PDB file of N, CA and C in Angstrom:
ATOM      1  N   MET A   1       9.673  19.991  31.866  1.00  0.00           N
ATOM      2  CA  MET A   1      10.747  20.353  32.763  1.00  0.00           C
ATOM      3  C   MET A   1      11.618  21.387  32.064  1.00  0.00           C
ATOM      4  N   ARG A   2      11.876  22.432  32.794  1.00  0.00           N
ATOM      5  CA  ARG A   2      12.757  23.468  32.254  1.00  0.00           C
ATOM      6  C   ARG A   2      14.214  23.090  32.504  1.00  0.00           C
ATOM      7  N   LYS A   3      15.085  23.724  31.765  1.00  0.00           N
ATOM      8  CA  LYS A   3      16.517  23.432  31.857  1.00  0.00           C
ATOM      9  C   LYS A   3      17.044  23.685  33.273  1.00  0.00           C
ATOM     10  N   ASP A   4      16.610  24.774  33.908  1.00  0.00           N
ATOM     11  CA  ASP A   4      17.079  25.068  35.263  1.00  0.00           C
ATOM     12  C   ASP A   4      16.580  24.015  36.251  1.00  0.00           C
ATOM     13  N   GLU A   5      15.378  23.499  36.036  1.00  0.00           N
ATOM     14  CA  GLU A   5      14.859  22.442  36.898  1.00  0.00           C
ATOM     15  C   GLU A   5      15.660  21.151  36.727  1.00  0.00           C
ATOM     16  N   ALA A   6      16.069  20.879  35.499  1.00  0.00           N
ATOM     17  CA  ALA A   6      16.893  19.701  35.236  1.00  0.00           C
ATOM     18  C   ALA A   6      18.231  19.822  35.953  1.00  0.00           C
ATOM     19  N   HIS A   7      18.810  21.001  35.923  1.00  0.00           N
ATOM     20  CA  HIS A   7      20.079  21.223  36.628  1.00  0.00           C
ATOM     21  C   HIS A   7      19.907  20.994  38.128  1.00  0.00           C
ATOM     22  N   GLU A   8      18.820  21.501  38.705  1.00  0.00           N
ATOM     23  CA  GLU A   8      18.560  21.319  40.127  1.00  0.00           C
ATOM     24  C   GLU A   8      18.404  19.846  40.468  1.00  0.00           C
ATOM     25  N   LEU A   9      17.697  19.124  39.617  1.00  0.00           N
ATOM     26  CA  LEU A   9      17.506  17.690  39.847  1.00  0.00           C
ATOM     27  C   LEU A   9      18.855  16.975  39.853  1.00  0.00           C
ATOM     28  N   VAL A  10      19.691  17.258  38.886  1.00  0.00           N
ATOM     29  CA  VAL A  10      21.019  16.632  38.809  1.00  0.00           C
ATOM     30  C   VAL A  10      21.854  17.022  40.023  1.00  0.00           C
ATOM     31  N   ASP A  11      21.783  18.268  40.438  1.00  0.00           N
ATOM     32  CA  ASP A  11      22.565  18.725  41.582  1.00  0.00           C
ATOM     33  C   ASP A  11      22.153  18.040  42.883  1.00  0.00           C
ATOM     34  N   ARG A  12      20.894  17.619  42.990  1.00  0.00           N
ATOM     35  CA  ARG A  12      20.417  16.945  44.200  1.00  0.00           C
ATOM     36  C   ARG A  12      20.825  15.470  44.269  1.00  0.00           C
ATOM     37  N   LEU A  13      21.235  14.896  43.150  1.00  0.00           N
ATOM     38  CA  LEU A  13      21.646  13.496  43.143  1.00  0.00           C
ATOM     39  C   LEU A  13      22.984  13.333  43.856  1.00  0.00           C
ATOM     40  N   PRO A  14      23.202  12.174  44.479  1.00  0.00           N
ATOM     41  CA  PRO A  14      24.509  11.939  45.111  1.00  0.00           C
ATOM     42  C   PRO A  14      25.613  11.861  44.063  1.00  0.00           C
ATOM     43  N   GLU A  15      26.834  12.078  44.500  1.00  0.00           N
ATOM     44  CA  GLU A  15      27.984  12.078  43.593  1.00  0.00           C
ATOM     45  C   GLU A  15      28.133  10.759  42.835  1.00  0.00           C
ATOM     46  N   ASN A  16      27.727   9.668  43.442  1.00  0.00           N
ATOM     47  CA  ASN A  16      27.888   8.354  42.813  1.00  0.00           C
ATOM     48  C   ASN A  16      26.646   7.917  42.029  1.00  0.00           C
ATOM     49  N   ALA A  17      25.749   8.860  41.722  1.00  0.00           N
ATOM     50  CA  ALA A  17      24.524   8.534  40.987  1.00  0.00           C
ATOM     51  C   ALA A  17      24.858   8.024  39.588  1.00  0.00           C
ATOM     52  N   THR A  18      24.028   7.113  39.125  1.00  0.00           N
ATOM     53  CA  THR A  18      24.204   6.540  37.794  1.00  0.00           C
ATOM     54  C   THR A  18      23.192   7.158  36.828  1.00  0.00           C
ATOM     55  N   TRP A  19      23.345   6.823  35.551  1.00  0.00           N
ATOM     56  CA  TRP A  19      22.356   7.255  34.557  1.00  0.00           C
ATOM     57  C   TRP A  19      20.984   6.701  34.917  1.00  0.00           C
ATOM     58  N   ASP A  20      20.940   5.471  35.417  1.00  0.00           N
ATOM     59  CA  ASP A  20      19.661   4.875  35.819  1.00  0.00           C
ATOM     60  C   ASP A  20      19.018   5.674  36.953  1.00  0.00           C
ATOM     61  N   ASP A  21      19.811   6.144  37.905  1.00  0.00           N
ATOM     62  CA  ASP A  21      19.285   6.974  38.990  1.00  0.00           C
ATOM     63  C   ASP A  21      18.655   8.244  38.432  1.00  0.00           C
ATOM     64  N   LEU A  22      19.335   8.861  37.479  1.00  0.00           N
ATOM     65  CA  LEU A  22      18.817  10.081  36.872  1.00  0.00           C
ATOM     66  C   LEU A  22      17.514   9.804  36.125  1.00  0.00           C
ATOM     67  N   ILE A  23      17.489   8.734  35.364  1.00  0.00           N
ATOM     68  CA  ILE A  23      16.277   8.375  34.620  1.00  0.00           C
ATOM     69  C   ILE A  23      15.131   8.101  35.579  1.00  0.00           C
ATOM     70  N   ASP A  24      15.402   7.402  36.684  1.00  0.00           N
ATOM     71  CA  ASP A  24      14.362   7.132  37.688  1.00  0.00           C
ATOM     72  C   ASP A  24      13.798   8.428  38.255  1.00  0.00           C
ATOM     73  N   GLU A  25      14.666   9.379  38.557  1.00  0.00           N
ATOM     74  CA  GLU A  25      14.218  10.660  39.099  1.00  0.00           C
ATOM     75  C   GLU A  25      13.362  11.425  38.094  1.00  0.00           C
ATOM     76  N   ILE A  26      13.793  11.445  36.851  1.00  0.00           N
ATOM     77  CA  ILE A  26      13.029  12.136  35.806  1.00  0.00           C
ATOM     78  C   ILE A  26      11.667  11.480  35.630  1.00  0.00           C
ATOM     79  N   TYR A  27      11.635  10.155  35.602  1.00  0.00           N
ATOM     80  CA  TYR A  27      10.376   9.439  35.426  1.00  0.00           C
ATOM     81  C   TYR A  27       9.429   9.704  36.598  1.00  0.00           C
ATOM     82  N   ALA A  28       9.950   9.641  37.815  1.00  0.00           N
ATOM     83  CA  ALA A  28       9.110   9.885  38.993  1.00  0.00           C
ATOM     84  C   ALA A  28       8.510  11.287  38.944  1.00  0.00           C
ATOM     85  N   ARG A  29       9.327  12.259  38.593  1.00  0.00           N
ATOM     86  CA  ARG A  29       8.830  13.639  38.500  1.00  0.00           C
ATOM     87  C   ARG A  29       7.744  13.763  37.432  1.00  0.00           C
ATOM     88  N   GLN A  30       7.962  13.120  36.297  1.00  0.00           N
ATOM     89  CA  GLN A  30       6.993  13.178  35.207  1.00  0.00           C
ATOM     90  C   GLN A  30       5.654  12.572  35.632  1.00  0.00           C
ATOM     91  N   VAL A  31       5.699  11.436  36.294  1.00  0.00           N
ATOM     92  CA  VAL A  31       4.473  10.771  36.730  1.00  0.00           C
ATOM     93  C   VAL A  31       3.733  11.640  37.749  1.00  0.00           C
ATOM     94  N   ILE A  32       4.473  12.231  38.670  1.00  0.00           N
ATOM     95  CA  ILE A  32       3.846  13.092  39.672  1.00  0.00           C
ATOM     96  C   ILE A  32       3.198  14.302  39.004  1.00  0.00           C
ATOM     97  N   GLU A  33       3.924  14.951  38.104  1.00  0.00           N
ATOM     98  CA  GLU A  33       3.374  16.124  37.433  1.00  0.00           C
ATOM     99  C   GLU A  33       2.129  15.783  36.620  1.00  0.00           C
ATOM    100  N   GLN A  34       2.111  14.613  35.998  1.00  0.00           N
ATOM    101  CA  GLN A  34       0.940  14.209  35.221  1.00  0.00           C
ATOM    102  C   GLN A  34      -0.264  13.943  36.121  1.00  0.00           C
ATOM    103  N   GLY A  35      -0.018  13.506  37.348  1.00  0.00           N
ATOM    104  CA  GLY A  35      -1.103  13.182  38.264  1.00  0.00           C
ATOM    105  C   GLY A  35      -1.618  14.349  39.078  1.00  0.00           C
ATOM    106  N   LEU A  36      -0.888  15.445  39.116  1.00  0.00           N
ATOM    107  CA  LEU A  36      -1.305  16.585  39.933  1.00  0.00           C
ATOM    108  C   LEU A  36      -2.695  17.119  39.591  1.00  0.00           C
ATOM    109  N   PRO A  37      -3.044  17.308  38.322  1.00  0.00           N
ATOM    110  CA  PRO A  37      -4.394  17.818  38.037  1.00  0.00           C
ATOM    111  C   PRO A  37      -5.497  16.904  38.592  1.00  0.00           C
ATOM    112  N   ASP A  38      -5.330  15.599  38.482  1.00  0.00           N
ATOM    113  CA  ASP A  38      -6.323  14.677  39.041  1.00  0.00           C
ATOM    114  C   ASP A  38      -6.373  14.793  40.556  1.00  0.00           C
ATOM    115  N   SER A  39      -5.227  14.884  41.182  1.00  0.00           N
ATOM    116  CA  SER A  39      -5.177  15.004  42.631  1.00  0.00           C
ATOM    117  C   SER A  39      -5.849  16.291  43.093  1.00  0.00           C
ATOM    118  N   GLN A  40      -5.550  17.384  42.423  1.00  0.00           N
ATOM    119  CA  GLN A  40      -6.127  18.672  42.792  1.00  0.00           C
ATOM    120  C   GLN A  40      -7.637  18.700  42.567  1.00  0.00           C
ATOM    121  N   ALA A  41      -8.127  17.896  41.623  1.00  0.00           N
ATOM    122  CA  ALA A  41      -9.560  17.841  41.342  1.00  0.00           C
ATOM    123  C   ALA A  41     -10.265  16.781  42.197  1.00  0.00           C
ATOM    124  N   GLY A  42      -9.508  16.104  43.067  1.00  0.00           N
ATOM    125  CA  GLY A  42     -10.116  15.103  43.940  1.00  0.00           C
ATOM    126  C   GLY A  42     -10.362  13.769  43.261  1.00  0.00           C
ATOM    127  N   ARG A  43      -9.762  13.551  42.107  1.00  0.00           N
ATOM    128  CA  ARG A  43      -9.945  12.291  41.384  1.00  0.00           C
ATOM    129  C   ARG A  43      -8.819  11.326  41.750  1.00  0.00           C
ATOM    130  N   THR A  44      -8.839  10.901  43.007  1.00  0.00           N
ATOM    131  CA  THR A  44      -7.816   9.989  43.496  1.00  0.00           C
ATOM    132  C   THR A  44      -8.467   8.818  44.212  1.00  0.00           C
ATOM    133  N   THR A  45      -7.683   7.798  44.480  1.00  0.00           N
ATOM    134  CA  THR A  45      -8.141   6.634  45.221  1.00  0.00           C
ATOM    135  C   THR A  45      -7.198   6.449  46.402  1.00  0.00           C
ATOM    136  N   GLU A  46      -7.768   6.256  47.581  1.00  0.00           N
ATOM    137  CA  GLU A  46      -6.958   6.054  48.774  1.00  0.00           C
ATOM    138  C   GLU A  46      -6.104   4.810  48.635  1.00  0.00           C
ATOM    139  N   GLY A  47      -4.917   4.847  49.213  1.00  0.00           N
ATOM    140  CA  GLY A  47      -4.002   3.719  49.164  1.00  0.00           C
ATOM    141  C   GLY A  47      -4.620   2.438  49.699  1.00  0.00           C
ATOM    142  N   GLU A  48      -5.391   2.541  50.753  1.00  0.00           N
ATOM    143  CA  GLU A  48      -6.074   1.385  51.345  1.00  0.00           C
ATOM    144  C   GLU A  48      -6.986   0.708  50.322  1.00  0.00           C
ATOM    145  N   GLU A  49      -7.717   1.505  49.565  1.00  0.00           N
ATOM    146  CA  GLU A  49      -8.621   0.972  48.545  1.00  0.00           C
ATOM    147  C   GLU A  49      -7.841   0.282  47.430  1.00  0.00           C
ATOM    148  N   VAL A  50      -6.738   0.875  47.012  1.00  0.00           N
ATOM    149  CA  VAL A  50      -5.910   0.271  45.958  1.00  0.00           C
ATOM    150  C   VAL A  50      -5.382  -1.073  46.426  1.00  0.00           C
ATOM    151  N   ARG A  51      -4.878  -1.124  47.669  1.00  0.00           N
ATOM    152  CA  ARG A  51      -4.372  -2.396  48.200  1.00  0.00           C
ATOM    153  C   ARG A  51      -5.466  -3.444  48.247  1.00  0.00           C
ATOM    154  N   ARG A  52      -6.677  -3.052  48.653  1.00  0.00           N
ATOM    155  CA  ARG A  52      -7.796  -3.992  48.728  1.00  0.00           C
ATOM    156  C   ARG A  52      -8.141  -4.527  47.337  1.00  0.00           C
ATOM    157  N   ARG A  53      -8.237  -3.640  46.368  1.00  0.00           N
ATOM    158  CA  ARG A  53      -8.601  -4.048  45.004  1.00  0.00           C
ATOM    159  C   ARG A  53      -7.619  -5.042  44.409  1.00  0.00           C
ATOM    160  N   TYR A  54      -6.339  -4.840  44.699  1.00  0.00           N
ATOM    161  CA  TYR A  54      -5.309  -5.663  44.080  1.00  0.00           C
ATOM    162  C   TYR A  54      -4.754  -6.734  45.015  1.00  0.00           C
ATOM    163  N   GLY A  55      -5.364  -6.886  46.171  1.00  0.00           N
ATOM    164  CA  GLY A  55      -4.957  -7.918  47.095  1.00  0.00           C
ATOM    165  C   GLY A  55      -3.547  -7.727  47.632  1.00  0.00           C
ATOM    166  N   LEU A  56      -3.157  -6.469  47.855  1.00  0.00           N
ATOM    167  CA  LEU A  56      -1.821  -6.173  48.349  1.00  0.00           C
ATOM    168  C   LEU A  56      -1.823  -6.075  49.863  1.00  0.00           C
ATOM    169  N   GLN A  57      -0.707  -6.369  50.470  1.00  0.00           N
ATOM    170  CA  GLN A  57      -0.571  -6.284  51.924  1.00  0.00           C
ATOM    171  C   GLN A  57      -0.484  -4.832  52.350  1.00  0.00           C
ATOM    172  N   PRO A  58      -1.039  -4.515  53.522  1.00  0.00           N
ATOM    173  CA  PRO A  58      -0.943  -3.135  54.050  1.00  0.00           C
ATOM    174  C   PRO A  58       0.463  -2.751  54.428  1.00  0.00           C
TER     175      PRO A  58
END
């Protein structure tokens, strides 16, 4: 993440955002960015399949 991107992320948070909110946003962005190459290469699993494997409700 570049410094300007960090500023944009902070600017998008609500005025009452906490440090935990900021950390959650940074973590979510990091996870998404790490997964993009797999997604672009078609190495993904449909949500339905994940729910079935782990016995989760639809």
